[in-house]
Protein backbone atom coordinates (compact mmCIF):
# COMPACT_ATOMS: atom_id res chain seq x y z
CA MET A 1 -34.71 -40.95 51.19
CA ALA A 2 -36.45 -38.11 53.45
CA LYS A 3 -34.92 -35.42 51.58
CA GLU A 4 -36.80 -36.73 48.46
CA ARG A 5 -40.21 -36.79 50.03
CA GLY A 6 -42.46 -34.27 48.09
CA GLN A 7 -39.96 -33.61 45.38
CA SER A 8 -42.37 -34.87 42.60
CA LEU A 9 -45.15 -32.60 43.87
CA ALA A 10 -43.23 -29.72 44.32
CA ALA A 11 -42.08 -30.43 40.53
CA ARG A 12 -45.48 -30.51 39.21
CA LEU A 13 -46.32 -27.12 41.45
CA ARG A 14 -43.47 -25.43 40.06
CA ALA A 15 -44.07 -26.91 36.38
CA VAL A 16 -48.10 -24.75 36.78
CA ILE A 17 -46.26 -21.61 38.47
CA GLU A 18 -44.13 -21.51 35.34
CA ASN A 19 -46.63 -22.29 33.07
CA ARG A 20 -48.73 -19.35 34.28
CA ALA A 21 -46.31 -17.03 34.26
CA THR A 22 -45.44 -17.85 30.34
CA VAL A 23 -49.11 -17.30 30.11
CA ARG A 24 -49.08 -13.93 31.39
CA ALA A 25 -46.13 -12.66 29.73
CA ARG A 26 -47.52 -13.94 26.44
CA GLU A 27 -51.18 -12.12 27.06
CA ALA A 28 -49.26 -8.80 28.18
CA GLU A 29 -47.17 -9.14 25.14
CA ALA A 30 -50.37 -9.44 22.91
CA GLU A 31 -52.20 -6.37 25.03
CA ALA A 32 -48.71 -4.23 24.06
CA GLU A 33 -48.81 -5.25 20.58
CA ARG A 34 -53.11 -4.65 20.42
CA ARG A 35 -52.55 -1.16 22.49
CA LEU A 36 -49.98 -0.16 19.88
CA TRP A 37 -51.43 -1.20 16.40
CA VAL A 38 -54.66 0.56 17.89
CA GLN A 39 -52.99 3.96 18.67
CA GLN A 40 -51.09 3.69 15.29
CA GLN A 41 -54.69 3.62 13.88
CA ARG A 42 -55.68 6.11 15.49
CA SER A 43 -53.56 8.68 14.72
CA GLN A 44 -54.13 7.58 10.93
CA LEU A 45 -57.89 8.28 11.85
CA MET A 46 -57.06 11.99 13.00
CA GLU A 47 -54.44 12.26 10.02
CA GLU A 48 -57.78 11.06 7.60
CA LEU A 49 -59.85 13.38 9.37
CA GLY A 50 -57.89 16.24 8.74
CA ALA A 51 -57.06 15.67 5.32
CA PHE A 52 -61.17 14.84 4.81
CA GLY A 53 -61.41 18.35 6.27
CA HIS A 54 -59.48 19.82 3.87
CA ALA A 55 -60.50 18.26 0.84
CA ILE A 56 -63.53 19.70 1.65
CA GLY A 57 -62.02 23.35 1.16
CA HIS A 58 -65.02 25.12 2.42
CA ILE A 59 -65.02 24.78 6.29
CA SER A 60 -61.91 25.74 8.89
CA VAL A 61 -59.64 22.75 9.84
CA SER A 62 -57.64 22.86 13.05
CA ALA A 63 -55.57 20.30 14.76
CA LYS A 64 -53.95 20.38 18.48
CA LYS A 65 -52.40 17.47 20.09
CA GLY A 66 -55.15 14.79 20.49
CA ALA A 67 -58.11 16.88 18.94
CA LEU A 68 -58.85 17.94 15.29
CA VAL A 69 -61.72 20.60 14.97
CA PHE A 70 -63.78 21.48 11.97
CA GLY A 71 -65.70 24.54 11.61
CA TYR A 72 -68.50 25.92 9.29
CA GLU A 73 -71.22 29.10 9.92
CA GLY A 74 -70.27 29.50 13.85
CA ARG A 75 -70.83 25.56 14.21
CA GLU A 76 -68.12 23.26 15.14
CA LEU A 77 -67.55 19.35 15.23
CA ARG A 78 -64.47 18.29 17.58
CA PHE A 79 -62.58 14.83 17.69
CA THR A 80 -60.55 14.48 20.80
CA ALA A 81 -58.52 11.10 21.47
CA LYS A 82 -59.77 10.03 24.75
CA ASN A 83 -57.23 7.96 27.31
CA ARG A 84 -58.04 4.56 26.06
CA THR A 85 -56.68 4.27 22.55
CA GLU A 86 -59.65 2.99 21.19
CA HIS A 87 -61.85 5.70 21.69
CA VAL A 88 -62.09 8.80 19.87
CA ALA A 89 -64.69 11.36 21.80
CA VAL A 90 -67.06 13.33 19.21
CA ARG A 91 -68.56 16.97 20.27
CA GLY A 92 -69.65 19.54 18.40
CA THR A 93 -73.26 21.84 17.69
CA ASP A 94 -75.96 19.63 17.86
CA VAL A 95 -74.46 16.41 18.80
CA PRO A 96 -75.95 14.53 21.69
CA THR A 97 -73.69 13.95 24.62
CA HIS A 98 -71.64 10.68 24.49
CA VAL A 99 -71.22 10.09 20.94
CA GLU A 100 -67.92 8.50 20.25
CA VAL A 101 -65.71 6.99 17.47
CA VAL A 102 -64.71 3.49 18.45
CA MET A 103 -62.51 0.95 16.49
CA GLN A 104 -64.11 -2.22 15.71
CA GLU A 105 -61.10 -4.85 15.99
CA GLU A 106 -63.11 -7.79 14.52
CA LEU A 107 -63.49 -5.36 11.65
CA LYS A 108 -60.78 -3.78 11.57
CA ARG A 109 -62.91 -0.50 10.91
CA TRP A 110 -64.02 2.54 12.84
CA VAL A 111 -67.46 2.94 13.85
CA VAL A 112 -69.72 5.59 15.21
CA ARG A 113 -71.75 5.24 18.35
CA ILE A 114 -74.79 7.55 18.94
CA PRO A 115 -76.57 6.71 21.88
CA SER A 116 -80.17 7.81 22.25
CA THR A 117 -82.43 7.97 25.60
CA GLN A 118 -85.58 7.20 25.25
CA GLY A 119 -86.65 8.28 28.60
CA PRO A 120 -85.93 7.34 32.11
CA SER A 121 -87.72 3.55 32.29
CA VAL A 122 -86.19 2.86 28.87
CA PRO A 123 -82.86 1.48 28.63
CA GLU A 124 -80.56 3.09 26.45
CA ARG A 125 -80.31 2.74 22.79
CA VAL A 126 -76.96 3.09 20.95
CA GLU A 127 -77.20 3.74 17.40
CA GLN A 128 -73.37 1.91 15.00
CA MET A 129 -72.87 2.66 11.81
CA LEU A 130 -69.26 2.59 10.14
CA LEU A 131 -67.32 5.89 10.30
CA PHE A 132 -66.75 6.49 6.13
CA ASP A 133 -68.95 7.11 4.94
CA ALA A 134 -72.31 7.12 6.51
CA GLY A 135 -71.22 8.01 10.08
CA LEU A 136 -69.33 10.90 8.88
CA GLU A 137 -71.96 12.05 6.79
CA GLU A 138 -73.94 11.72 9.61
CA LEU A 139 -71.87 13.60 11.97
CA MET A 140 -71.29 16.70 9.49
CA SER A 141 -75.35 16.95 9.06
CA MET A 142 -75.47 17.05 12.63
CA ALA A 143 -73.00 19.32 14.14
CA LEU A 144 -72.25 21.48 10.73
CA GLY A 145 -75.43 21.65 9.18
CA LEU A 146 -74.51 20.15 5.98
CA ARG A 147 -76.90 18.16 4.63
CA GLN A 148 -77.16 16.73 1.25
């Protein structure tokens, strides 16, 4: 009987540990699937933006690994894929710093985030709009001066 002491407790603790390992493995698999999906969406976004630029026909469009640049009359708008797969940095003429395009997974849509600082004592406010069409129109207007 001495050998059986604690066996019930050991079995319960083993089950808890195995259950935690199973949960962690499921979470890791779900995260890997999410990252792959977002990476595919980002690749598709860059292709769609390139097609959009070519459809305009009067602007230059150049694509390099992880970046897409629109140019018009000496002005530019640059989209650069960032390390985190759900973010695309946006830079360009008259584009404020820290503007980015982010995948809103709940909506399954890309959103433009434009931070605006209103002074040192006022917290930063972030304006968000769907990339297609209002957000992209705002970016084209700011960076390339193409206003309707």
